[in-house]
Structures are given as structure tokens and as C-alpha cells.
Amino acid sequence: MIDDEKQKPRGGRGSFWKELPVLLVVALVVALLVRQFVVQTFFIPTGSMEQTLLVDNRVLVNKLAYEFGEPSRGEIVVFEAPLTWRSSVEQEDFIKRIIGVPGDHVVCCDAQGRITVNGQPLDEPYVYPGNKMAPQKFDITVPAGRVWVMGDHREASADSLANYNGHNQDIMQATIPLEALVGRAFVLFWPFGRATWLTVPETFAAVPGPSPAA
């Protein structure tokens, strides 16, 4: 026999409140997984990347960028700094711009005071006003599996050049291993008035690949 009586809807406010703790736990787990493996927020503690990034700015970092691809010149990256780079134990993560990738010949400077990479000069309008492109002359080749990084505030950055000169021009002390890269900073989102995508400057597009080893 068919029952024509309408079915009463299941659930209701009572079931919602019972399910809410589960939903909150699931949301928290998802947020933690995203933060751990996909995207993480970092704040800028120093002026080493001025004026691209200012103190207390916030950036989003893609932590999968180098799980599926190689770092590129011009990218702004967060990395786990070597102990010899740190002025305190708490200074674990640094943020700088990649200037040279494995095999690159990086030199400062040409007749116009520009850094060259594999013979191609870089035009770097993002460098802090009044700074030289590099505080000291140098001529290096980036070792395999490592990158050469510099802050945009060239005269106030504990970067590859500062550590190259501070460790008797030891290229291994001056460069960062690829496995230490946490991820690529891809957007400045705070404060909202400065929000912008952190794209690779056009000057890096003209840089040729490194010459084969002799």
C-alpha cells in the first residue's frame, strides 16, 4: 500500500549543531595542510628587500613551486638560511631575489655599473634608490644544485654577496642549496594599499643559459 503522507525532512537545527564541531575540525585540518604543503603567509621582518617589500609587509609563498619545477632568475624566494648567515637562532627563514641559477656566471660590474649574468647586463629598477647594483665587485660561477640570491636593498642585505665576502669568498657558504628553498613569494597582499603580484622583472628574460663547462 502506498503511503501518501509527505515525508518529514530529516535533520534540522539540532543535527547542524551536532555536526558543527566535526566541520570545524575538518576545516582546521584542511587549513593546516594547505599551510604546511601549499601556500603559507610570511611577514617581512627587515628592510633587506626594500623597496619591493617593506618591513611588516605580508606575502603569500607557493610551497609547491619547486616540488614540480626549477627556480628561475628574478624570482623572490623564501629559504631556510644557513646557520652561518643568521645573527640569531630565531632567524630561520630569509627572503631574497634569485640572481643566478646553477651554472650561471655572475659578475659585477660592467662599465655602467650593472651586474651581468652569462654576459647579459641586468637593468634593475627595483634596487633600492641610491644603492649600487652591488656594494663590492665579484666574479663567481654558481655551483650545481645551488642559487645565488641578493636583496633588493643591496647595501643592507645579508645575502650571497655579503656572505661571499664574509666567508673568505667561499662560494658554498655564499649560495643556497635548492633543497633549502621553502617556496616562491608570488603576491604581496598586505597592506592592501601595496598589494601586487610579485612577477619576474623583464630584464631576466634576456639572460642566456650558462655556457657548457669546458
N, C-alpha and C. Protein backbone atom coordinates (compact mmCIF):
# COMPACT_ATOMS: atom_id res chain seq x y z
N MET A 1 0.85 -1.19 0.00
CA MET A 1 0.00 0.00 0.00
C MET A 1 0.88 1.24 0.00
N ILE A 2 0.56 2.17 -0.85
CA ILE A 2 1.35 3.39 -0.96
C ILE A 2 0.93 4.38 0.10
N ASP A 3 1.92 4.92 0.82
CA ASP A 3 1.63 5.93 1.85
C ASP A 3 1.76 7.31 1.22
N ASP A 4 0.63 8.03 1.12
CA ASP A 4 0.64 9.35 0.50
C ASP A 4 1.11 10.45 1.45
N GLU A 5 1.36 10.12 2.70
CA GLU A 5 1.77 11.16 3.66
C GLU A 5 3.17 11.66 3.30
N LYS A 6 3.33 12.97 3.30
CA LYS A 6 4.63 13.55 2.95
C LYS A 6 5.68 13.18 3.98
N GLN A 7 6.86 12.88 3.47
CA GLN A 7 7.97 12.56 4.35
C GLN A 7 8.43 13.81 5.09
N LYS A 8 8.68 13.66 6.34
CA LYS A 8 9.22 14.78 7.11
C LYS A 8 10.71 14.92 6.81
N PRO A 9 11.21 16.13 6.61
CA PRO A 9 12.65 16.31 6.33
C PRO A 9 13.49 15.85 7.51
N ARG A 10 14.58 15.21 7.18
CA ARG A 10 15.49 14.74 8.22
C ARG A 10 16.37 15.89 8.70
N GLY A 11 16.91 15.70 9.82
CA GLY A 11 17.84 16.69 10.34
C GLY A 11 17.12 17.88 10.91
N GLY A 12 17.78 19.04 10.88
CA GLY A 12 17.23 20.24 11.47
C GLY A 12 18.31 20.96 12.23
N ARG A 13 17.90 21.93 12.99
CA ARG A 13 18.88 22.71 13.72
C ARG A 13 19.69 21.87 14.69
N GLY A 14 19.03 20.90 15.28
CA GLY A 14 19.74 20.06 16.25
C GLY A 14 20.90 19.31 15.62
N SER A 15 20.66 18.73 14.42
CA SER A 15 21.73 17.98 13.76
C SER A 15 22.85 18.91 13.30
N PHE A 16 22.51 20.16 12.91
CA PHE A 16 23.55 21.11 12.49
C PHE A 16 24.54 21.36 13.61
N TRP A 17 24.01 21.60 14.82
CA TRP A 17 24.91 21.90 15.94
C TRP A 17 25.73 20.68 16.33
N LYS A 18 25.18 19.47 16.09
CA LYS A 18 25.96 18.26 16.35
C LYS A 18 27.10 18.10 15.35
N GLU A 19 26.83 18.50 14.11
CA GLU A 19 27.84 18.34 13.05
C GLU A 19 28.86 19.47 13.04
N LEU A 20 28.51 20.61 13.63
CA LEU A 20 29.39 21.77 13.57
C LEU A 20 30.80 21.50 14.09
N PRO A 21 30.99 20.84 15.24
CA PRO A 21 32.36 20.57 15.70
C PRO A 21 33.17 19.76 14.69
N VAL A 22 32.50 18.79 14.03
CA VAL A 22 33.20 17.98 13.02
C VAL A 22 33.62 18.85 11.85
N LEU A 23 32.71 19.72 11.40
CA LEU A 23 33.03 20.62 10.28
C LEU A 23 34.19 21.54 10.62
N LEU A 24 34.21 22.05 11.84
CA LEU A 24 35.30 22.93 12.27
C LEU A 24 36.63 22.20 12.30
N VAL A 25 36.60 20.96 12.77
CA VAL A 25 37.84 20.16 12.82
C VAL A 25 38.35 19.90 11.40
N VAL A 26 37.43 19.54 10.51
CA VAL A 26 37.82 19.29 9.11
C VAL A 26 38.40 20.56 8.49
N ALA A 27 37.76 21.70 8.72
CA ALA A 27 38.25 22.97 8.17
C ALA A 27 39.63 23.30 8.71
N LEU A 28 39.84 23.04 10.00
CA LEU A 28 41.14 23.31 10.61
C LEU A 28 42.22 22.42 10.02
N VAL A 29 41.89 21.13 9.85
CA VAL A 29 42.87 20.20 9.26
C VAL A 29 43.23 20.61 7.84
N VAL A 30 42.21 20.99 7.05
CA VAL A 30 42.47 21.44 5.68
C VAL A 30 43.36 22.67 5.67
N ALA A 31 43.05 23.63 6.56
CA ALA A 31 43.85 24.86 6.63
C ALA A 31 45.29 24.56 7.00
N LEU A 32 45.49 23.63 7.94
CA LEU A 32 46.85 23.27 8.35
C LEU A 32 47.60 22.58 7.22
N LEU A 33 46.90 21.72 6.48
CA LEU A 33 47.55 21.03 5.36
C LEU A 33 47.94 22.01 4.26
N VAL A 34 47.03 22.96 3.97
CA VAL A 34 47.35 23.98 2.97
C VAL A 34 48.57 24.78 3.39
N ARG A 35 48.59 25.20 4.66
CA ARG A 35 49.72 25.99 5.17
C ARG A 35 51.01 25.19 5.13
N GLN A 36 50.94 23.92 5.45
CA GLN A 36 52.15 23.10 5.52
C GLN A 36 52.71 22.76 4.16
N PHE A 37 51.82 22.52 3.18
CA PHE A 37 52.28 21.96 1.92
C PHE A 37 52.00 22.81 0.69
N VAL A 38 51.12 23.80 0.76
CA VAL A 38 50.72 24.50 -0.45
C VAL A 38 51.07 25.99 -0.41
N VAL A 39 50.40 26.76 0.41
CA VAL A 39 50.62 28.21 0.47
C VAL A 39 50.76 28.63 1.92
N GLN A 40 51.73 29.50 2.17
CA GLN A 40 51.94 29.99 3.53
C GLN A 40 52.16 31.51 3.51
N THR A 41 51.70 32.16 4.56
CA THR A 41 51.91 33.59 4.72
C THR A 41 53.22 33.84 5.46
N PHE A 42 53.99 34.81 4.96
CA PHE A 42 55.21 35.24 5.64
C PHE A 42 55.18 36.76 5.79
N PHE A 43 55.70 37.25 6.91
CA PHE A 43 55.83 38.69 7.06
C PHE A 43 57.29 39.07 6.89
N ILE A 44 57.52 40.31 6.50
CA ILE A 44 58.87 40.80 6.20
C ILE A 44 59.42 41.49 7.44
N PRO A 45 60.49 40.94 8.06
CA PRO A 45 60.99 41.48 9.32
C PRO A 45 62.06 42.55 9.18
N THR A 46 62.68 42.66 8.01
CA THR A 46 63.79 43.61 7.84
C THR A 46 63.62 44.40 6.55
N GLY A 47 64.52 45.34 6.33
CA GLY A 47 64.49 46.17 5.13
C GLY A 47 65.35 45.66 4.00
N SER A 48 65.76 44.40 4.02
CA SER A 48 66.70 43.90 3.01
C SER A 48 66.11 43.80 1.61
N MET A 49 64.77 43.83 1.50
CA MET A 49 64.14 43.75 0.18
C MET A 49 63.46 45.07 -0.21
N GLU A 50 63.74 46.14 0.53
CA GLU A 50 63.17 47.44 0.17
C GLU A 50 63.68 47.87 -1.21
N GLN A 51 62.86 48.55 -2.03
CA GLN A 51 61.53 48.94 -1.66
C GLN A 51 60.47 48.05 -2.28
N THR A 52 60.89 46.90 -2.77
CA THR A 52 59.92 45.93 -3.27
C THR A 52 59.04 45.44 -2.13
N LEU A 53 59.67 45.08 -1.02
CA LEU A 53 58.97 44.63 0.18
C LEU A 53 59.44 45.44 1.37
N LEU A 54 58.49 45.99 2.11
CA LEU A 54 58.81 46.83 3.27
C LEU A 54 58.63 46.04 4.56
N VAL A 55 59.21 46.55 5.63
CA VAL A 55 59.08 45.90 6.93
C VAL A 55 57.60 45.76 7.29
N ASP A 56 57.24 44.57 7.76
CA ASP A 56 55.88 44.20 8.17
C ASP A 56 54.91 43.99 7.02
N ASN A 57 55.37 44.07 5.77
CA ASN A 57 54.53 43.61 4.66
C ASN A 57 54.29 42.11 4.80
N ARG A 58 53.21 41.64 4.21
CA ARG A 58 52.89 40.21 4.20
C ARG A 58 52.86 39.70 2.76
N VAL A 59 53.44 38.51 2.57
CA VAL A 59 53.45 37.89 1.25
C VAL A 59 52.90 36.48 1.34
N LEU A 60 52.38 35.99 0.21
CA LEU A 60 51.99 34.59 0.10
C LEU A 60 53.08 33.84 -0.65
N VAL A 61 53.43 32.66 -0.15
CA VAL A 61 54.50 31.86 -0.72
C VAL A 61 53.96 30.52 -1.20
N ASN A 62 54.21 30.23 -2.46
CA ASN A 62 53.82 28.95 -3.07
C ASN A 62 54.86 27.90 -2.71
N LYS A 63 54.50 26.98 -1.81
CA LYS A 63 55.44 25.98 -1.32
C LYS A 63 55.58 24.78 -2.25
N LEU A 64 54.76 24.74 -3.30
CA LEU A 64 54.86 23.65 -4.28
C LEU A 64 55.69 24.05 -5.50
N ALA A 65 56.09 25.32 -5.56
CA ALA A 65 56.74 25.84 -6.77
C ALA A 65 57.94 25.01 -7.19
N TYR A 66 58.75 24.59 -6.21
CA TYR A 66 59.97 23.88 -6.55
C TYR A 66 59.88 22.39 -6.32
N GLU A 67 58.65 21.93 -5.99
CA GLU A 67 58.41 20.49 -5.98
C GLU A 67 58.19 19.99 -7.41
N PHE A 68 57.69 20.87 -8.26
CA PHE A 68 57.34 20.48 -9.63
C PHE A 68 58.08 21.30 -10.69
N GLY A 69 58.99 22.17 -10.28
CA GLY A 69 59.72 22.99 -11.24
C GLY A 69 61.03 23.48 -10.65
N GLU A 70 61.82 24.10 -11.48
CA GLU A 70 63.12 24.61 -11.07
C GLU A 70 63.02 26.11 -10.79
N PRO A 71 63.85 26.62 -9.88
CA PRO A 71 63.86 28.06 -9.63
C PRO A 71 64.37 28.82 -10.85
N SER A 72 63.88 30.04 -11.01
CA SER A 72 64.27 30.88 -12.14
C SER A 72 64.87 32.18 -11.65
N ARG A 73 65.74 32.76 -12.46
CA ARG A 73 66.32 34.06 -12.14
C ARG A 73 65.21 35.10 -11.99
N GLY A 74 65.37 35.98 -11.03
CA GLY A 74 64.41 37.05 -10.83
C GLY A 74 63.29 36.74 -9.87
N GLU A 75 63.09 35.49 -9.54
CA GLU A 75 62.04 35.13 -8.59
C GLU A 75 62.42 35.52 -7.17
N ILE A 76 61.43 35.93 -6.39
CA ILE A 76 61.64 36.22 -4.97
C ILE A 76 61.31 34.96 -4.21
N VAL A 77 62.26 34.48 -3.40
CA VAL A 77 62.10 33.19 -2.75
C VAL A 77 62.31 33.30 -1.24
N VAL A 78 61.62 32.42 -0.54
CA VAL A 78 61.86 32.21 0.89
C VAL A 78 62.68 30.93 1.02
N PHE A 79 63.69 30.97 1.86
CA PHE A 79 64.54 29.80 2.04
C PHE A 79 65.00 29.68 3.48
N GLU A 80 65.36 28.47 3.86
CA GLU A 80 65.92 28.23 5.18
C GLU A 80 67.39 28.66 5.14
N ALA A 81 67.72 29.69 5.87
CA ALA A 81 69.06 30.27 5.82
C ALA A 81 70.08 29.36 6.51
N PRO A 82 71.28 29.26 5.95
CA PRO A 82 72.35 28.54 6.64
C PRO A 82 72.61 29.17 8.01
N LEU A 83 73.05 28.37 8.95
CA LEU A 83 73.32 28.89 10.29
C LEU A 83 74.35 30.01 10.25
N THR A 84 75.30 29.92 9.31
CA THR A 84 76.35 30.94 9.22
C THR A 84 75.82 32.28 8.71
N TRP A 85 74.62 32.29 8.16
CA TRP A 85 74.02 33.54 7.68
C TRP A 85 73.26 34.26 8.79
N ARG A 86 72.90 33.56 9.84
CA ARG A 86 71.97 34.10 10.83
C ARG A 86 72.71 34.86 11.94
N SER A 87 72.10 35.95 12.36
CA SER A 87 72.63 36.67 13.52
C SER A 87 72.02 36.17 14.82
N SER A 88 70.94 35.35 14.72
CA SER A 88 70.33 34.72 15.89
C SER A 88 69.67 33.43 15.44
N VAL A 89 69.44 32.52 16.39
CA VAL A 89 68.86 31.22 16.08
C VAL A 89 67.45 31.38 15.52
N GLU A 90 66.73 32.42 15.96
CA GLU A 90 65.35 32.62 15.54
C GLU A 90 65.24 33.01 14.06
N GLN A 91 66.31 33.52 13.49
CA GLN A 91 66.28 33.95 12.08
C GLN A 91 66.43 32.74 11.17
N GLU A 92 65.34 32.03 10.97
CA GLU A 92 65.40 30.80 10.19
C GLU A 92 65.12 31.03 8.71
N ASP A 93 64.03 31.72 8.40
CA ASP A 93 63.63 31.92 7.01
C ASP A 93 64.04 33.30 6.52
N PHE A 94 64.72 33.33 5.37
CA PHE A 94 65.12 34.58 4.72
C PHE A 94 64.33 34.72 3.42
N ILE A 95 64.24 35.95 2.93
CA ILE A 95 63.60 36.20 1.64
C ILE A 95 64.52 37.08 0.79
N LYS A 96 64.83 36.63 -0.40
CA LYS A 96 65.72 37.35 -1.32
C LYS A 96 65.28 37.09 -2.76
N ARG A 97 66.01 37.72 -3.69
CA ARG A 97 65.73 37.52 -5.12
C ARG A 97 66.83 36.66 -5.73
N ILE A 98 66.43 35.67 -6.53
CA ILE A 98 67.41 34.84 -7.23
C ILE A 98 68.03 35.64 -8.37
N ILE A 99 69.35 35.72 -8.36
CA ILE A 99 70.08 36.39 -9.45
C ILE A 99 70.75 35.37 -10.36
N GLY A 100 71.26 34.29 -9.78
CA GLY A 100 71.91 33.27 -10.58
C GLY A 100 71.46 31.87 -10.19
N VAL A 101 71.23 31.03 -11.21
CA VAL A 101 70.86 29.63 -11.00
C VAL A 101 72.07 28.75 -11.31
N PRO A 102 71.99 27.44 -11.07
CA PRO A 102 73.17 26.58 -11.27
C PRO A 102 73.86 26.78 -12.62
N GLY A 103 75.18 26.97 -12.56
CA GLY A 103 75.98 27.13 -13.77
C GLY A 103 76.14 28.56 -14.25
N ASP A 104 75.35 29.49 -13.71
CA ASP A 104 75.43 30.88 -14.17
C ASP A 104 76.74 31.54 -13.76
N HIS A 105 77.25 32.38 -14.66
CA HIS A 105 78.44 33.21 -14.39
C HIS A 105 77.93 34.62 -14.06
N VAL A 106 78.06 35.00 -12.80
CA VAL A 106 77.53 36.27 -12.31
C VAL A 106 78.69 37.19 -11.96
N VAL A 107 78.67 38.41 -12.52
CA VAL A 107 79.80 39.33 -12.37
C VAL A 107 79.30 40.72 -12.04
N CYS A 108 80.03 41.41 -11.22
CA CYS A 108 79.82 42.84 -11.01
C CYS A 108 81.17 43.55 -11.10
N CYS A 109 81.22 44.53 -11.90
CA CYS A 109 80.11 45.08 -12.67
C CYS A 109 80.62 45.46 -14.06
N ASP A 110 79.71 45.78 -14.96
CA ASP A 110 80.15 46.24 -16.27
C ASP A 110 80.45 47.74 -16.22
N ALA A 111 80.75 48.33 -17.37
CA ALA A 111 81.14 49.75 -17.40
C ALA A 111 80.04 50.68 -16.91
N GLN A 112 78.79 50.23 -16.97
CA GLN A 112 77.67 51.04 -16.49
C GLN A 112 77.26 50.70 -15.06
N GLY A 113 78.09 49.88 -14.41
CA GLY A 113 77.81 49.53 -13.02
C GLY A 113 76.74 48.47 -12.84
N ARG A 114 76.43 47.71 -13.90
CA ARG A 114 75.38 46.70 -13.83
C ARG A 114 75.95 45.31 -13.57
N ILE A 115 75.21 44.49 -12.86
CA ILE A 115 75.53 43.07 -12.73
C ILE A 115 75.27 42.40 -14.07
N THR A 116 76.14 41.47 -14.45
CA THR A 116 75.89 40.68 -15.66
C THR A 116 75.74 39.22 -15.28
N VAL A 117 74.86 38.53 -16.01
CA VAL A 117 74.66 37.10 -15.83
C VAL A 117 74.87 36.43 -17.18
N ASN A 118 75.90 35.59 -17.25
CA ASN A 118 76.27 34.94 -18.52
C ASN A 118 76.51 35.97 -19.61
N GLY A 119 77.09 37.09 -19.21
CA GLY A 119 77.44 38.15 -20.14
C GLY A 119 76.35 39.15 -20.43
N GLN A 120 75.13 38.90 -19.96
CA GLN A 120 74.00 39.79 -20.21
C GLN A 120 73.82 40.74 -19.03
N PRO A 121 73.90 42.07 -19.26
CA PRO A 121 73.69 43.00 -18.15
C PRO A 121 72.23 43.05 -17.70
N LEU A 122 72.05 43.23 -16.41
CA LEU A 122 70.70 43.36 -15.84
C LEU A 122 70.37 44.82 -15.61
N ASP A 123 69.17 45.21 -16.02
CA ASP A 123 68.63 46.53 -15.67
C ASP A 123 67.68 46.31 -14.49
N GLU A 124 68.03 46.88 -13.33
CA GLU A 124 67.34 46.54 -12.10
C GLU A 124 66.73 47.78 -11.42
N PRO A 125 65.61 48.26 -11.94
CA PRO A 125 64.99 49.45 -11.35
C PRO A 125 64.41 49.19 -9.96
N TYR A 126 64.27 47.94 -9.57
CA TYR A 126 63.73 47.60 -8.26
C TYR A 126 64.75 47.74 -7.13
N VAL A 127 66.03 47.90 -7.49
CA VAL A 127 67.06 48.06 -6.45
C VAL A 127 66.83 49.36 -5.69
N TYR A 128 67.07 49.34 -4.40
CA TYR A 128 66.83 50.49 -3.51
C TYR A 128 67.49 51.75 -4.07
N PRO A 129 66.75 52.84 -4.15
CA PRO A 129 67.29 54.08 -4.72
C PRO A 129 68.58 54.51 -4.03
N GLY A 130 69.58 54.84 -4.85
CA GLY A 130 70.86 55.29 -4.32
C GLY A 130 71.87 54.19 -4.10
N ASN A 131 71.42 52.92 -4.10
CA ASN A 131 72.35 51.80 -3.94
C ASN A 131 73.07 51.50 -5.24
N LYS A 132 74.30 51.03 -5.12
CA LYS A 132 74.96 50.42 -6.26
C LYS A 132 74.31 49.06 -6.50
N MET A 133 74.48 48.53 -7.71
CA MET A 133 73.91 47.22 -8.01
C MET A 133 74.54 46.13 -7.14
N ALA A 134 75.77 46.38 -6.70
CA ALA A 134 76.43 45.51 -5.72
C ALA A 134 77.44 46.37 -4.96
N PRO A 135 77.51 46.18 -3.64
CA PRO A 135 78.43 47.01 -2.85
C PRO A 135 79.91 46.75 -3.16
N GLN A 136 80.23 45.52 -3.62
CA GLN A 136 81.61 45.16 -3.96
C GLN A 136 81.64 44.42 -5.28
N LYS A 137 82.79 44.47 -5.94
CA LYS A 137 82.95 43.71 -7.17
C LYS A 137 83.05 42.22 -6.85
N PHE A 138 82.58 41.40 -7.79
CA PHE A 138 82.72 39.95 -7.62
C PHE A 138 82.61 39.28 -8.98
N ASP A 139 83.08 38.05 -9.04
CA ASP A 139 83.07 37.26 -10.27
C ASP A 139 82.94 35.80 -9.85
N ILE A 140 81.74 35.23 -9.98
CA ILE A 140 81.52 33.88 -9.47
C ILE A 140 80.76 33.04 -10.51
N THR A 141 80.84 31.73 -10.33
CA THR A 141 80.00 30.79 -11.06
C THR A 141 79.20 30.01 -10.04
N VAL A 142 77.88 29.98 -10.22
CA VAL A 142 77.00 29.31 -9.26
C VAL A 142 77.19 27.80 -9.35
N PRO A 143 77.50 27.13 -8.23
CA PRO A 143 77.70 25.68 -8.27
C PRO A 143 76.41 24.92 -8.61
N ALA A 144 76.56 23.69 -9.05
CA ALA A 144 75.42 22.84 -9.34
C ALA A 144 74.56 22.66 -8.09
N GLY A 145 73.25 22.68 -8.29
CA GLY A 145 72.34 22.44 -7.19
C GLY A 145 72.19 23.58 -6.21
N ARG A 146 72.62 24.80 -6.62
CA ARG A 146 72.57 25.94 -5.70
C ARG A 146 72.14 27.20 -6.45
N VAL A 147 71.77 28.25 -5.70
CA VAL A 147 71.40 29.53 -6.31
C VAL A 147 72.12 30.67 -5.59
N TRP A 148 72.33 31.75 -6.33
CA TRP A 148 72.93 32.98 -5.81
C TRP A 148 71.80 33.97 -5.61
N VAL A 149 71.62 34.47 -4.39
CA VAL A 149 70.48 35.35 -4.08
C VAL A 149 70.98 36.68 -3.55
N MET A 150 70.21 37.74 -3.83
CA MET A 150 70.56 39.07 -3.34
C MET A 150 69.29 39.80 -2.92
N GLY A 151 69.43 40.66 -1.91
CA GLY A 151 68.32 41.51 -1.52
C GLY A 151 68.23 42.71 -2.46
N ASP A 152 67.03 43.27 -2.60
CA ASP A 152 66.87 44.45 -3.45
C ASP A 152 67.49 45.69 -2.79
N HIS A 153 67.59 45.70 -1.47
CA HIS A 153 68.32 46.76 -0.77
C HIS A 153 69.76 46.27 -0.64
N ARG A 154 70.51 46.44 -1.71
CA ARG A 154 71.80 45.79 -1.88
C ARG A 154 72.81 46.14 -0.79
N GLU A 155 72.73 47.34 -0.24
CA GLU A 155 73.72 47.75 0.75
C GLU A 155 73.26 47.48 2.18
N ALA A 156 72.13 46.75 2.32
CA ALA A 156 71.63 46.43 3.66
C ALA A 156 71.02 45.03 3.67
N SER A 157 71.72 44.07 3.04
CA SER A 157 71.16 42.73 2.91
C SER A 157 72.21 41.67 3.23
N ALA A 158 71.85 40.76 4.13
CA ALA A 158 72.71 39.61 4.44
C ALA A 158 72.45 38.54 3.39
N ASP A 159 73.02 38.74 2.21
CA ASP A 159 72.71 37.87 1.07
C ASP A 159 73.94 37.11 0.60
N SER A 160 73.89 36.59 -0.63
CA SER A 160 75.01 35.79 -1.13
C SER A 160 76.31 36.59 -1.18
N LEU A 161 76.23 37.84 -1.66
CA LEU A 161 77.45 38.64 -1.75
C LEU A 161 78.02 38.94 -0.38
N ALA A 162 77.17 39.31 0.57
CA ALA A 162 77.65 39.61 1.92
C ALA A 162 78.33 38.39 2.54
N ASN A 163 77.77 37.21 2.32
CA ASN A 163 78.35 36.01 2.89
C ASN A 163 79.54 35.50 2.09
N TYR A 164 79.59 35.82 0.81
CA TYR A 164 80.77 35.50 0.00
C TYR A 164 81.99 36.25 0.52
N ASN A 165 81.80 37.54 0.78
CA ASN A 165 82.91 38.34 1.31
C ASN A 165 83.17 38.05 2.78
N GLY A 166 82.13 37.67 3.51
CA GLY A 166 82.30 37.41 4.93
C GLY A 166 82.87 36.05 5.26
N HIS A 167 82.96 35.17 4.27
CA HIS A 167 83.50 33.83 4.48
C HIS A 167 84.62 33.53 3.49
N ASN A 168 85.52 34.51 3.36
CA ASN A 168 86.74 34.33 2.54
C ASN A 168 86.44 33.87 1.12
N GLN A 169 85.38 34.43 0.55
CA GLN A 169 84.97 34.15 -0.83
C GLN A 169 84.74 32.65 -1.07
N ASP A 170 84.14 32.02 -0.07
CA ASP A 170 83.76 30.61 -0.17
C ASP A 170 82.40 30.53 -0.87
N ILE A 171 82.39 30.04 -2.11
CA ILE A 171 81.17 30.04 -2.90
C ILE A 171 80.09 29.14 -2.31
N MET A 172 80.48 28.10 -1.60
CA MET A 172 79.49 27.21 -0.99
C MET A 172 78.82 27.88 0.20
N GLN A 173 79.55 28.71 0.92
CA GLN A 173 78.95 29.47 2.02
C GLN A 173 78.04 30.59 1.48
N ALA A 174 78.31 31.00 0.27
CA ALA A 174 77.59 32.16 -0.28
C ALA A 174 76.31 31.79 -1.01
N THR A 175 76.15 30.54 -1.38
CA THR A 175 74.99 30.13 -2.18
C THR A 175 74.05 29.23 -1.37
N ILE A 176 72.83 29.11 -1.86
CA ILE A 176 71.79 28.38 -1.16
C ILE A 176 71.47 27.08 -1.91
N PRO A 177 71.48 25.94 -1.22
CA PRO A 177 71.11 24.69 -1.89
C PRO A 177 69.63 24.68 -2.27
N LEU A 178 69.32 24.05 -3.38
CA LEU A 178 67.94 24.04 -3.86
C LEU A 178 66.98 23.43 -2.85
N GLU A 179 67.46 22.45 -2.09
CA GLU A 179 66.57 21.79 -1.13
C GLU A 179 66.22 22.69 0.05
N ALA A 180 66.93 23.82 0.21
CA ALA A 180 66.62 24.76 1.29
C ALA A 180 65.54 25.77 0.89
N LEU A 181 65.14 25.76 -0.38
CA LEU A 181 64.11 26.69 -0.83
C LEU A 181 62.75 26.28 -0.28
N VAL A 182 62.13 27.16 0.46
CA VAL A 182 60.80 26.90 1.02
C VAL A 182 59.72 27.10 -0.06
N GLY A 183 59.89 28.12 -0.88
CA GLY A 183 58.92 28.38 -1.93
C GLY A 183 59.11 29.75 -2.55
N ARG A 184 58.25 30.04 -3.51
CA ARG A 184 58.32 31.32 -4.23
C ARG A 184 57.25 32.28 -3.71
N ALA A 185 57.67 33.50 -3.36
CA ALA A 185 56.71 34.55 -3.00
C ALA A 185 56.08 35.05 -4.29
N PHE A 186 54.74 34.97 -4.35
CA PHE A 186 54.08 35.32 -5.61
C PHE A 186 53.12 36.49 -5.50
N VAL A 187 52.78 36.90 -4.29
CA VAL A 187 51.91 38.07 -4.16
C VAL A 187 52.19 38.79 -2.85
N LEU A 188 52.25 40.10 -2.92
CA LEU A 188 52.27 40.96 -1.73
C LEU A 188 50.81 41.33 -1.47
N PHE A 189 50.27 40.91 -0.31
CA PHE A 189 48.84 41.11 -0.08
C PHE A 189 48.53 42.06 1.07
N TRP A 190 49.53 42.41 1.88
CA TRP A 190 49.27 43.32 3.00
C TRP A 190 50.46 44.25 3.18
N PRO A 191 50.18 45.54 3.34
CA PRO A 191 48.86 46.18 3.41
C PRO A 191 48.18 46.22 2.03
N PHE A 192 46.85 46.33 2.05
CA PHE A 192 46.09 46.28 0.81
C PHE A 192 46.50 47.38 -0.17
N GLY A 193 46.93 48.52 0.38
CA GLY A 193 47.34 49.62 -0.48
C GLY A 193 48.59 49.33 -1.29
N ARG A 194 49.37 48.33 -0.91
CA ARG A 194 50.57 47.95 -1.65
C ARG A 194 50.41 46.61 -2.37
N ALA A 195 49.23 46.03 -2.34
CA ALA A 195 49.02 44.70 -2.89
C ALA A 195 49.43 44.64 -4.36
N THR A 196 50.18 43.59 -4.72
CA THR A 196 50.64 43.43 -6.10
C THR A 196 51.16 42.02 -6.30
N TRP A 197 51.15 41.57 -7.56
CA TRP A 197 51.78 40.31 -7.92
C TRP A 197 53.29 40.50 -7.93
N LEU A 198 54.02 39.52 -7.46
CA LEU A 198 55.49 39.57 -7.45
C LEU A 198 55.99 38.80 -8.67
N THR A 199 56.02 39.47 -9.78
CA THR A 199 56.40 38.85 -11.05
C THR A 199 57.91 38.96 -11.27
N VAL A 200 58.40 38.20 -12.23
CA VAL A 200 59.82 38.25 -12.60
C VAL A 200 60.06 39.47 -13.48
N PRO A 201 61.01 40.35 -13.13
CA PRO A 201 61.30 41.52 -13.95
C PRO A 201 61.72 41.13 -15.38
N GLU A 202 61.34 41.94 -16.34
CA GLU A 202 61.58 41.63 -17.75
C GLU A 202 63.05 41.45 -18.08
N THR A 203 63.93 42.13 -17.36
CA THR A 203 65.36 42.08 -17.69
C THR A 203 65.91 40.66 -17.69
N PHE A 204 65.32 39.76 -16.87
CA PHE A 204 65.85 38.40 -16.78
C PHE A 204 65.51 37.56 -18.00
N ALA A 205 64.54 38.00 -18.79
CA ALA A 205 64.14 37.23 -19.98
C ALA A 205 65.26 37.19 -21.02
N ALA A 206 66.13 38.20 -20.99
CA ALA A 206 67.20 38.30 -22.00
C ALA A 206 68.46 37.51 -21.60
N VAL A 207 68.47 36.98 -20.39
CA VAL A 207 69.67 36.27 -19.93
C VAL A 207 69.77 34.92 -20.60
N PRO A 208 70.91 34.63 -21.28
CA PRO A 208 71.06 33.30 -21.91
C PRO A 208 71.40 32.25 -20.86
N GLY A 209 71.26 31.01 -21.25
CA GLY A 209 71.65 29.92 -20.36
C GLY A 209 73.15 29.91 -20.16
N PRO A 210 73.60 29.22 -19.10
CA PRO A 210 75.04 29.17 -18.84
C PRO A 210 75.78 28.41 -19.93
N SER A 211 77.03 28.81 -20.14
CA SER A 211 77.85 28.11 -21.13
C SER A 211 78.22 26.72 -20.61
N PRO A 212 78.31 25.73 -21.51
CA PRO A 212 78.71 24.40 -21.06
C PRO A 212 80.09 24.43 -20.44
N ALA A 213 80.28 23.59 -19.42
CA ALA A 213 81.59 23.52 -18.76
C ALA A 213 82.63 23.04 -19.77
N ALA A 214 83.82 23.64 -19.64
CA ALA A 214 84.89 23.27 -20.58
C ALA A 214 85.39 21.88 -20.27
